Every structure is written in C-alpha cells, then in structure tokens.
C-alpha cells in the first residue's frame, strides 16, 4: 500500500497547508472557502506529520522526511500567533 512514507508525508503536508491557508487567501475557491477546509487541511497536515515520523522510524533514505518534520515548527508558530491575536480582540 504505502511504500515510501516520506513521499506521502510531504504530499499530505503540502496539501494540508494549502487547504488550511486557502480560506484566508485571495483565491476564493468555491469548494473550500469555509472552515471545513481549514479542519480538513489540519487533519491532512497532521497525518503527513505522523507519516514523517514513520519514515524516520523506518530509516528511509533521503531528506524529505525531515522537511515535514521541520514544517511542524512553522505550524506551531502559526497556531501560537493566531491564539495570541485572538486573545487581544
């Protein structure tokens, strides 16, 4: 089924980030302009992160598994910034 966890992790992370950020951008795609797109994107992003951990445990070759892992710091920064800004409103 899934042979290369690092490839699927980077794909899911990219798709998840796109879906999570798209409602806040100027693209206004009609299918994902609501909060469901944000939730689906966050779930796909987390699945990609877990697949990256599986790739590290399996000791797959390449550095793509680390790209998904490093992107988690970016996501945590965005969530903390969002919570700080919501707290100020």
C-alpha atoms as a PDB file:
ATOM      1  CA  UNK A   1       0.000   0.000   0.000  1.00  0.00           C
ATOM      2  CA  UNK A   2       2.288   2.774   1.214  1.00  0.00           C
ATOM      3  CA  UNK A   3       5.913   2.017   0.443  1.00  0.00           C
ATOM      4  CA  UNK A   4       7.538   5.395   0.754  1.00  0.00           C
ATOM      5  CA  UNK A   5       6.291   7.220   3.844  1.00  0.00           C
ATOM      6  CA  UNK A   6       8.493  10.254   3.252  1.00  0.00           C
ATOM      7  CA  UNK A   7       6.951  10.940  -0.179  1.00  0.00           C
ATOM      8  CA  UNK A   8       3.400  10.690   1.130  1.00  0.00           C
ATOM      9  CA  UNK A   9       4.227  12.777   4.179  1.00  0.00           C
ATOM     10  CA  UNK A  10       5.499  15.690   2.113  1.00  0.00           C
ATOM     11  CA  UNK A  11       2.495  15.439  -0.245  1.00  0.00           C
ATOM     12  CA  UNK A  12      -0.009  15.482   2.632  1.00  0.00           C
ATOM     13  CA  UNK A  13       1.794  18.329   4.377  1.00  0.00           C
ATOM     14  CA  UNK A  14       1.686  20.477   1.233  1.00  0.00           C
ATOM     15  CA  UNK A  15      -1.976  19.688   0.530  1.00  0.00           C
ATOM     16  CA  UNK A  16      -2.883  20.216   4.187  1.00  0.00           C
ATOM     17  CA  UNK A  17      -1.154  23.589   4.342  1.00  0.00           C
ATOM     18  CA  UNK A  18      -2.862  24.687   1.129  1.00  0.00           C
ATOM     19  CA  UNK A  19      -6.302  23.699   2.391  1.00  0.00           C
ATOM     20  CA  UNK A  20      -5.736  25.261   5.807  1.00  0.00           C
ATOM     21  CA  UNK A  21      -4.449  28.586   4.466  1.00  0.00           C
ATOM     22  CA  UNK A  22      -6.670  28.926   1.371  1.00  0.00           C
ATOM     23  CA  UNK A  23      -9.791  30.378   3.092  1.00  0.00           C
ATOM     24  CA  UNK A  24      -7.646  33.280   4.285  1.00  0.00           C
ATOM     25  CA  UNK A  25      -6.111  33.976   0.862  1.00  0.00           C
ATOM     26  CA  UNK A  26      -7.464  35.874  -2.112  1.00  0.00           C
ATOM     27  CA  UNK A  27      -8.017  32.774  -4.290  1.00  0.00           C
ATOM     28  CA  UNK A  28     -11.591  32.207  -3.029  1.00  0.00           C
ATOM     29  CA  UNK A  29     -12.036  28.724  -4.441  1.00  0.00           C
ATOM     30  CA  UNK A  30     -15.757  27.873  -4.115  1.00  0.00           C
ATOM     31  CA  UNK A  31     -15.316  24.396  -2.618  1.00  0.00           C
ATOM     32  CA  UNK A  32     -13.055  25.163   0.324  1.00  0.00           C
ATOM     33  CA  UNK A  33     -13.784  28.730   1.395  1.00  0.00           C
ATOM     34  CA  UNK A  34     -15.368  27.713   4.688  1.00  0.00           C
ATOM     35  CA  UNK A  35     -13.968  26.410   7.965  1.00  0.00           C
ATOM     36  CA  UNK A  36     -14.312  22.779   6.862  1.00  0.00           C
ATOM     37  CA  UNK A  37     -11.368  23.324   4.542  1.00  0.00           C
ATOM     38  CA  UNK A  38      -9.288  24.502   7.489  1.00  0.00           C
ATOM     39  CA  UNK A  39     -10.194  21.425   9.537  1.00  0.00           C
ATOM     40  CA  UNK A  40      -9.588  19.000   6.661  1.00  0.00           C
ATOM     41  CA  UNK A  41      -6.290  20.733   5.924  1.00  0.00           C
ATOM     42  CA  UNK A  42      -5.215  20.475   9.559  1.00  0.00           C
ATOM     43  CA  UNK A  43      -6.083  16.766   9.656  1.00  0.00           C
ATOM     44  CA  UNK A  44      -4.168  16.081   6.428  1.00  0.00           C
ATOM     45  CA  UNK A  45      -1.234  18.055   7.789  1.00  0.00           C
ATOM     46  CA  UNK A  46      -1.169  16.009  10.986  1.00  0.00           C
ATOM     47  CA  UNK A  47      -1.389  12.744   9.025  1.00  0.00           C
ATOM     48  CA  UNK A  48       1.577  13.911   6.949  1.00  0.00           C
ATOM     49  CA  UNK A  49       3.487  14.676  10.143  1.00  0.00           C
ATOM     50  CA  UNK A  50       2.768  11.180  11.521  1.00  0.00           C
ATOM     51  CA  UNK A  51       3.898   9.607   8.230  1.00  0.00           C
ATOM     52  CA  UNK A  52       7.114  11.592   8.534  1.00  0.00           C
ATOM     53  CA  UNK A  53       7.667  10.062  11.969  1.00  0.00           C
ATOM     54  CA  UNK A  54       7.053   6.593  10.482  1.00  0.00           C
ATOM     55  CA  UNK A  55       9.655   7.341   7.792  1.00  0.00           C
ATOM     56  CA  UNK A  56      12.179   8.309  10.453  1.00  0.00           C
ATOM     57  CA  UNK A  57      11.478   5.138  12.440  1.00  0.00           C
ATOM     58  CA  UNK A  58      11.853   3.009   9.287  1.00  0.00           C
ATOM     59  CA  UNK A  59      15.127   4.865   8.498  1.00  0.00           C
ATOM     60  CA  UNK A  60      14.167   5.688   4.924  1.00  0.00           C
ATOM     61  CA  UNK A  61      16.772   7.284   2.703  1.00  0.00           C
ATOM     62  CA  UNK A  62      16.574  10.958   1.780  1.00  0.00           C
ATOM     63  CA  UNK A  63      15.815  14.239   3.485  1.00  0.00           C
ATOM     64  CA  UNK A  64      12.135  14.669   2.572  1.00  0.00           C
ATOM     65  CA  UNK A  65      11.091  13.079   5.849  1.00  0.00           C
ATOM     66  CA  UNK A  66      12.817  15.914   7.698  1.00  0.00           C
ATOM     67  CA  UNK A  67      11.083  18.622   5.647  1.00  0.00           C
ATOM     68  CA  UNK A  68       7.706  17.511   7.000  1.00  0.00           C
ATOM     69  CA  UNK A  69       9.139  17.372  10.491  1.00  0.00           C
ATOM     70  CA  UNK A  70      10.619  20.876  10.264  1.00  0.00           C
ATOM     71  CA  UNK A  71       7.343  22.263   8.920  1.00  0.00           C
ATOM     72  CA  UNK A  72       5.730  21.369  12.251  1.00  0.00           C
ATOM     73  CA  UNK A  73       7.612  24.264  13.854  1.00  0.00           C
ATOM     74  CA  UNK A  74       6.080  26.583  11.251  1.00  0.00           C
ATOM     75  CA  UNK A  75       2.606  25.254  12.059  1.00  0.00           C
ATOM     76  CA  UNK A  76       3.126  25.663  15.800  1.00  0.00           C
ATOM     77  CA  UNK A  77       4.320  29.227  15.250  1.00  0.00           C
ATOM     78  CA  UNK A  78       1.170  29.996  13.223  1.00  0.00           C
ATOM     79  CA  UNK A  79      -1.126  28.496  15.862  1.00  0.00           C
ATOM     80  CA  UNK A  80       0.566  30.379  18.717  1.00  0.00           C
ATOM     81  CA  UNK A  81       0.429  33.629  16.753  1.00  0.00           C
ATOM     82  CA  UNK A  82      -3.247  33.052  15.976  1.00  0.00           C
ATOM     83  CA  UNK A  83      -4.049  32.383  19.636  1.00  0.00           C
ATOM     84  CA  UNK A  84      -2.170  35.491  20.733  1.00  0.00           C
ATOM     85  CA  UNK A  85      -4.028  37.637  18.216  1.00  0.00           C
ATOM     86  CA  UNK A  86      -7.416  36.158  19.121  1.00  0.00           C
ATOM     87  CA  UNK A  87      -6.690  36.833  22.777  1.00  0.00           C
ATOM     88  CA  UNK A  88      -6.181  40.522  22.032  1.00  0.00           C
ATOM     89  CA  UNK A  89      -9.547  41.005  20.330  1.00  0.00           C
END
